[in-house]
Amino acid sequence: MTDDGPPAEDAGIEDPAVEDPVVSCELQGGTLSVHEDGITIERTSNSMFEDKFIPIEEVWDVDYSGGILSGHIQIKQDGIEPDEGGLFSHPVDENTLFFPRTKRSDAIRARDAILERI
């Protein structure tokens, strides 16, 4: 067994998920949290994508579509090719979350918080 040094918190490395988010909303497929320094996507257990943290300096845009019955919010990140979706379908990728129309205001708050930080 090797000693890899002190845990991250002891080494002065901040865990972005520890700081309180500016905005956090539970959407279909996961929770989207906007922090001062990035975005956390925590996926539900049945999602095909993993939880992830996106540093704010890697975000170059955010796409919001309210849709008729459901909408989506898609984080545009350096190095990740965003899915375009289709005429009648939402994009499906690791940086996209969906929401029912009852959650539109939550998604708008998250979009606005992201845009204020990029």
N, C-alpha and C. Protein backbone atom coordinates (compact mmCIF):
# COMPACT_ATOMS: atom_id res chain seq x y z
N MET A 1 0.84 -1.16 0.00
CA MET A 1 0.00 0.00 0.00
C MET A 1 0.89 1.24 0.00
N THR A 2 0.58 2.20 -0.87
CA THR A 2 1.39 3.41 -0.97
C THR A 2 0.64 4.58 -0.38
N ASP A 3 1.41 5.56 0.07
CA ASP A 3 0.81 6.78 0.59
C ASP A 3 0.86 7.82 -0.51
N ASP A 4 -0.30 8.24 -0.99
CA ASP A 4 -0.37 9.22 -2.07
C ASP A 4 -0.40 10.64 -1.54
N GLY A 5 -0.09 10.84 -0.28
CA GLY A 5 -0.09 12.17 0.28
C GLY A 5 -1.39 12.48 0.96
N PRO A 6 -1.53 13.72 1.41
CA PRO A 6 -2.74 14.09 2.14
C PRO A 6 -3.96 14.13 1.22
N PRO A 7 -5.15 13.96 1.79
CA PRO A 7 -6.36 14.09 1.00
C PRO A 7 -6.42 15.48 0.36
N ALA A 8 -7.22 15.62 -0.67
CA ALA A 8 -7.31 16.87 -1.44
C ALA A 8 -7.60 18.07 -0.55
N GLU A 9 -8.52 17.90 0.43
CA GLU A 9 -8.85 19.05 1.26
C GLU A 9 -7.67 19.48 2.14
N ASP A 10 -6.81 18.52 2.51
CA ASP A 10 -5.63 18.85 3.30
C ASP A 10 -4.54 19.47 2.44
N ALA A 11 -4.55 19.21 1.14
CA ALA A 11 -3.54 19.73 0.23
C ALA A 11 -3.90 21.11 -0.29
N GLY A 12 -5.00 21.69 0.19
CA GLY A 12 -5.40 23.02 -0.24
C GLY A 12 -6.15 23.04 -1.56
N ILE A 13 -6.58 21.89 -2.05
CA ILE A 13 -7.34 21.82 -3.29
C ILE A 13 -8.82 21.85 -2.94
N GLU A 14 -9.51 22.85 -3.45
CA GLU A 14 -10.94 23.01 -3.16
C GLU A 14 -11.76 22.04 -4.01
N ASP A 15 -12.72 21.40 -3.40
CA ASP A 15 -13.68 20.58 -4.13
C ASP A 15 -14.82 21.51 -4.51
N PRO A 16 -15.04 21.74 -5.83
CA PRO A 16 -16.06 22.70 -6.24
C PRO A 16 -17.46 22.34 -5.75
N ALA A 17 -17.72 21.07 -5.53
CA ALA A 17 -19.04 20.66 -5.09
C ALA A 17 -19.29 21.02 -3.62
N VAL A 18 -18.22 21.38 -2.88
CA VAL A 18 -18.37 21.71 -1.48
C VAL A 18 -18.96 23.11 -1.29
N GLU A 19 -18.57 24.05 -2.15
CA GLU A 19 -19.11 25.41 -2.02
C GLU A 19 -20.59 25.41 -2.35
N ASP A 20 -21.32 26.29 -1.69
CA ASP A 20 -22.76 26.39 -1.96
C ASP A 20 -22.97 26.92 -3.36
N PRO A 21 -23.88 26.29 -4.12
CA PRO A 21 -24.15 26.78 -5.47
C PRO A 21 -24.91 28.11 -5.44
N VAL A 22 -24.71 28.89 -6.48
CA VAL A 22 -25.45 30.12 -6.68
C VAL A 22 -26.90 29.77 -7.05
N VAL A 23 -27.04 28.77 -7.91
CA VAL A 23 -28.34 28.26 -8.35
C VAL A 23 -28.23 26.74 -8.43
N SER A 24 -29.25 26.05 -8.00
CA SER A 24 -29.30 24.59 -8.12
C SER A 24 -30.73 24.21 -8.46
N CYS A 25 -30.90 23.35 -9.45
CA CYS A 25 -32.25 22.92 -9.81
C CYS A 25 -32.25 21.44 -10.19
N GLU A 26 -33.30 20.77 -9.71
CA GLU A 26 -33.49 19.36 -10.04
C GLU A 26 -34.28 19.30 -11.34
N LEU A 27 -33.64 18.72 -12.34
CA LEU A 27 -34.27 18.60 -13.65
C LEU A 27 -34.42 17.12 -13.97
N GLN A 28 -35.00 16.82 -15.11
CA GLN A 28 -35.16 15.44 -15.52
C GLN A 28 -33.79 14.86 -15.85
N GLY A 29 -33.40 13.81 -15.17
CA GLY A 29 -32.11 13.17 -15.43
C GLY A 29 -30.98 13.64 -14.54
N GLY A 30 -31.23 14.63 -13.67
CA GLY A 30 -30.17 15.05 -12.78
C GLY A 30 -30.36 16.43 -12.20
N THR A 31 -29.38 16.84 -11.43
CA THR A 31 -29.38 18.15 -10.79
C THR A 31 -28.29 19.01 -11.40
N LEU A 32 -28.64 20.22 -11.76
CA LEU A 32 -27.71 21.18 -12.33
C LEU A 32 -27.44 22.25 -11.28
N SER A 33 -26.17 22.41 -10.90
CA SER A 33 -25.79 23.41 -9.91
C SER A 33 -24.75 24.34 -10.51
N VAL A 34 -24.98 25.63 -10.37
CA VAL A 34 -24.06 26.64 -10.88
C VAL A 34 -23.30 27.21 -9.68
N HIS A 35 -21.97 27.10 -9.73
CA HIS A 35 -21.08 27.63 -8.71
C HIS A 35 -20.34 28.82 -9.30
N GLU A 36 -19.67 29.60 -8.48
CA GLU A 36 -18.90 30.74 -8.97
C GLU A 36 -17.84 30.31 -9.97
N ASP A 37 -17.25 29.12 -9.75
CA ASP A 37 -16.13 28.69 -10.60
C ASP A 37 -16.47 27.56 -11.56
N GLY A 38 -17.74 27.14 -11.62
CA GLY A 38 -18.08 26.07 -12.55
C GLY A 38 -19.50 25.56 -12.38
N ILE A 39 -19.77 24.48 -13.06
CA ILE A 39 -21.10 23.88 -13.11
C ILE A 39 -20.98 22.40 -12.75
N THR A 40 -21.84 21.96 -11.84
CA THR A 40 -21.88 20.55 -11.46
C THR A 40 -23.16 19.94 -12.03
N ILE A 41 -23.00 18.80 -12.70
CA ILE A 41 -24.15 18.02 -13.16
C ILE A 41 -24.11 16.70 -12.41
N GLU A 42 -25.09 16.48 -11.55
CA GLU A 42 -25.19 15.23 -10.82
C GLU A 42 -26.32 14.43 -11.45
N ARG A 43 -25.97 13.31 -12.03
CA ARG A 43 -26.94 12.49 -12.77
C ARG A 43 -27.70 11.54 -11.86
N THR A 44 -28.92 11.20 -12.28
CA THR A 44 -29.68 10.17 -11.58
C THR A 44 -29.06 8.81 -11.88
N SER A 45 -29.41 7.83 -11.08
CA SER A 45 -28.79 6.51 -11.22
C SER A 45 -29.12 5.83 -12.55
N ASN A 46 -30.23 6.20 -13.19
CA ASN A 46 -30.59 5.56 -14.46
C ASN A 46 -30.08 6.32 -15.69
N SER A 47 -29.26 7.35 -15.47
CA SER A 47 -28.73 8.12 -16.59
C SER A 47 -27.62 7.35 -17.30
N MET A 48 -27.48 7.57 -18.59
CA MET A 48 -26.39 6.95 -19.35
C MET A 48 -25.10 7.78 -19.26
N PHE A 49 -25.15 8.93 -18.57
CA PHE A 49 -23.99 9.80 -18.42
C PHE A 49 -23.55 9.86 -16.96
N GLU A 50 -22.28 10.23 -16.76
CA GLU A 50 -21.69 10.31 -15.43
C GLU A 50 -21.87 11.71 -14.85
N ASP A 51 -21.74 11.82 -13.53
CA ASP A 51 -21.68 13.12 -12.87
C ASP A 51 -20.44 13.84 -13.40
N LYS A 52 -20.49 15.16 -13.44
CA LYS A 52 -19.32 15.89 -13.89
C LYS A 52 -19.30 17.31 -13.36
N PHE A 53 -18.09 17.88 -13.33
CA PHE A 53 -17.88 19.27 -13.00
C PHE A 53 -17.26 19.93 -14.21
N ILE A 54 -17.82 21.06 -14.64
CA ILE A 54 -17.30 21.81 -15.79
C ILE A 54 -16.76 23.14 -15.29
N PRO A 55 -15.45 23.36 -15.38
CA PRO A 55 -14.90 24.66 -14.97
C PRO A 55 -15.51 25.77 -15.83
N ILE A 56 -15.82 26.89 -15.20
CA ILE A 56 -16.50 27.98 -15.89
C ILE A 56 -15.68 28.52 -17.07
N GLU A 57 -14.35 28.45 -16.99
CA GLU A 57 -13.52 28.95 -18.08
C GLU A 57 -13.60 28.06 -19.33
N GLU A 58 -14.16 26.86 -19.22
CA GLU A 58 -14.35 25.98 -20.37
C GLU A 58 -15.72 26.15 -21.02
N VAL A 59 -16.60 26.94 -20.42
CA VAL A 59 -17.96 27.13 -20.93
C VAL A 59 -17.96 28.35 -21.85
N TRP A 60 -18.46 28.14 -23.09
CA TRP A 60 -18.50 29.27 -24.03
C TRP A 60 -19.92 29.69 -24.40
N ASP A 61 -20.93 28.91 -23.99
CA ASP A 61 -22.32 29.29 -24.24
C ASP A 61 -23.23 28.32 -23.51
N VAL A 62 -24.49 28.67 -23.43
CA VAL A 62 -25.51 27.78 -22.89
C VAL A 62 -26.74 27.94 -23.77
N ASP A 63 -27.31 26.81 -24.15
CA ASP A 63 -28.49 26.79 -25.01
C ASP A 63 -29.70 26.42 -24.17
N TYR A 64 -30.74 27.23 -24.25
CA TYR A 64 -31.98 26.97 -23.55
C TYR A 64 -33.10 26.89 -24.56
N SER A 65 -33.93 25.85 -24.45
CA SER A 65 -35.13 25.74 -25.26
C SER A 65 -36.27 25.35 -24.33
N GLY A 66 -37.29 26.22 -24.24
CA GLY A 66 -38.43 25.95 -23.37
C GLY A 66 -39.33 24.84 -23.88
N GLY A 67 -39.34 24.62 -25.19
CA GLY A 67 -40.17 23.58 -25.77
C GLY A 67 -41.66 23.80 -25.53
N ILE A 68 -42.46 22.91 -26.04
CA ILE A 68 -43.90 22.98 -25.85
C ILE A 68 -44.30 22.22 -24.59
N LEU A 69 -43.93 20.94 -24.52
CA LEU A 69 -44.21 20.13 -23.34
C LEU A 69 -42.98 19.96 -22.46
N SER A 70 -41.82 19.88 -23.08
CA SER A 70 -40.57 19.74 -22.33
C SER A 70 -39.48 20.54 -23.04
N GLY A 71 -38.46 20.90 -22.28
CA GLY A 71 -37.37 21.68 -22.83
C GLY A 71 -36.03 21.10 -22.46
N HIS A 72 -34.98 21.81 -22.83
CA HIS A 72 -33.63 21.37 -22.46
C HIS A 72 -32.73 22.56 -22.21
N ILE A 73 -31.69 22.31 -21.43
CA ILE A 73 -30.62 23.26 -21.23
C ILE A 73 -29.32 22.52 -21.54
N GLN A 74 -28.51 23.11 -22.40
CA GLN A 74 -27.29 22.45 -22.89
C GLN A 74 -26.10 23.39 -22.65
N ILE A 75 -25.11 22.89 -21.92
CA ILE A 75 -23.91 23.65 -21.64
C ILE A 75 -22.91 23.40 -22.78
N LYS A 76 -22.44 24.47 -23.42
CA LYS A 76 -21.46 24.36 -24.51
C LYS A 76 -20.06 24.48 -23.88
N GLN A 77 -19.28 23.41 -24.00
CA GLN A 77 -17.98 23.30 -23.32
C GLN A 77 -16.86 23.07 -24.32
N ASP A 78 -15.71 23.73 -24.10
CA ASP A 78 -14.54 23.49 -24.94
C ASP A 78 -14.23 22.00 -24.98
N GLY A 79 -13.96 21.48 -26.16
CA GLY A 79 -13.55 20.09 -26.32
C GLY A 79 -14.68 19.08 -26.35
N ILE A 80 -15.91 19.51 -26.15
CA ILE A 80 -17.08 18.61 -26.19
C ILE A 80 -17.97 19.05 -27.35
N GLU A 81 -18.17 18.17 -28.30
CA GLU A 81 -19.02 18.47 -29.45
C GLU A 81 -20.49 18.37 -29.03
N PRO A 82 -21.23 19.48 -29.04
CA PRO A 82 -22.64 19.41 -28.62
C PRO A 82 -23.50 18.71 -29.66
N ASP A 83 -24.44 17.90 -29.17
CA ASP A 83 -25.40 17.24 -30.04
C ASP A 83 -26.40 18.30 -30.51
N GLU A 84 -26.84 18.18 -31.73
CA GLU A 84 -27.77 19.16 -32.29
C GLU A 84 -29.24 18.78 -32.11
N GLY A 85 -29.54 17.53 -31.87
CA GLY A 85 -30.93 17.11 -31.80
C GLY A 85 -31.53 17.10 -33.20
N GLY A 86 -32.84 17.01 -33.26
CA GLY A 86 -33.52 17.00 -34.55
C GLY A 86 -34.69 17.96 -34.56
N LEU A 87 -35.45 17.91 -35.62
CA LEU A 87 -36.59 18.80 -35.76
C LEU A 87 -37.58 18.63 -34.60
N PHE A 88 -37.83 17.39 -34.20
CA PHE A 88 -38.79 17.12 -33.12
C PHE A 88 -38.14 16.46 -31.91
N SER A 89 -36.82 16.57 -31.78
CA SER A 89 -36.15 15.93 -30.65
C SER A 89 -35.11 16.87 -30.04
N HIS A 90 -34.89 16.70 -28.76
CA HIS A 90 -33.89 17.47 -28.03
C HIS A 90 -32.51 16.83 -28.24
N PRO A 91 -31.45 17.61 -28.08
CA PRO A 91 -30.11 17.03 -28.14
C PRO A 91 -29.89 16.08 -26.95
N VAL A 92 -29.07 15.07 -27.16
CA VAL A 92 -28.74 14.12 -26.10
C VAL A 92 -27.23 14.04 -26.03
N ASP A 93 -26.67 14.60 -24.95
CA ASP A 93 -25.23 14.50 -24.72
C ASP A 93 -24.95 14.70 -23.24
N GLU A 94 -23.68 14.59 -22.87
CA GLU A 94 -23.30 14.63 -21.46
C GLU A 94 -23.52 15.99 -20.79
N ASN A 95 -23.72 17.05 -21.58
CA ASN A 95 -23.90 18.39 -21.03
C ASN A 95 -25.31 18.92 -21.19
N THR A 96 -26.28 18.03 -21.43
CA THR A 96 -27.66 18.45 -21.64
C THR A 96 -28.58 17.80 -20.61
N LEU A 97 -29.46 18.61 -20.05
CA LEU A 97 -30.50 18.12 -19.14
C LEU A 97 -31.86 18.57 -19.67
N PHE A 98 -32.87 17.78 -19.43
CA PHE A 98 -34.23 18.06 -19.88
C PHE A 98 -35.09 18.48 -18.71
N PHE A 99 -36.20 19.14 -19.00
CA PHE A 99 -37.10 19.56 -17.93
C PHE A 99 -38.52 19.65 -18.48
N PRO A 100 -39.52 19.39 -17.61
CA PRO A 100 -40.92 19.59 -18.01
C PRO A 100 -41.23 21.09 -17.98
N ARG A 101 -42.31 21.48 -18.58
CA ARG A 101 -42.63 22.91 -18.65
C ARG A 101 -42.79 23.53 -17.27
N THR A 102 -43.12 22.74 -16.26
CA THR A 102 -43.25 23.27 -14.90
C THR A 102 -41.90 23.68 -14.30
N LYS A 103 -40.80 23.26 -14.91
CA LYS A 103 -39.46 23.59 -14.41
C LYS A 103 -38.76 24.64 -15.28
N ARG A 104 -39.49 25.26 -16.19
CA ARG A 104 -38.88 26.27 -17.07
C ARG A 104 -38.20 27.39 -16.30
N SER A 105 -38.85 27.88 -15.27
CA SER A 105 -38.28 29.01 -14.51
C SER A 105 -36.97 28.60 -13.83
N ASP A 106 -36.87 27.36 -13.36
CA ASP A 106 -35.62 26.87 -12.77
C ASP A 106 -34.50 26.84 -13.81
N ALA A 107 -34.82 26.32 -14.98
CA ALA A 107 -33.83 26.24 -16.05
C ALA A 107 -33.39 27.62 -16.52
N ILE A 108 -34.31 28.57 -16.55
CA ILE A 108 -33.98 29.95 -16.94
C ILE A 108 -33.04 30.57 -15.90
N ARG A 109 -33.31 30.34 -14.61
CA ARG A 109 -32.43 30.85 -13.57
C ARG A 109 -31.03 30.28 -13.70
N ALA A 110 -30.93 28.98 -14.00
CA ALA A 110 -29.62 28.34 -14.19
C ALA A 110 -28.92 28.92 -15.42
N ARG A 111 -29.65 29.06 -16.52
CA ARG A 111 -29.06 29.65 -17.73
C ARG A 111 -28.53 31.04 -17.47
N ASP A 112 -29.33 31.87 -16.80
CA ASP A 112 -28.91 33.25 -16.53
C ASP A 112 -27.69 33.29 -15.62
N ALA A 113 -27.64 32.41 -14.63
CA ALA A 113 -26.48 32.38 -13.72
C ALA A 113 -25.22 31.96 -14.47
N ILE A 114 -25.34 31.04 -15.41
CA ILE A 114 -24.19 30.61 -16.21
C ILE A 114 -23.73 31.77 -17.10
N LEU A 115 -24.67 32.40 -17.79
CA LEU A 115 -24.32 33.50 -18.70
C LEU A 115 -23.66 34.67 -17.96
N GLU A 116 -24.04 34.90 -16.72
CA GLU A 116 -23.42 35.97 -15.93
C GLU A 116 -21.95 35.66 -15.61
N ARG A 117 -21.57 34.39 -15.67
CA ARG A 117 -20.23 33.98 -15.26
C ARG A 117 -19.28 33.69 -16.42
N ILE A 118 -19.80 33.69 -17.63
CA ILE A 118 -18.91 33.42 -18.78
C ILE A 118 -18.56 34.69 -19.53
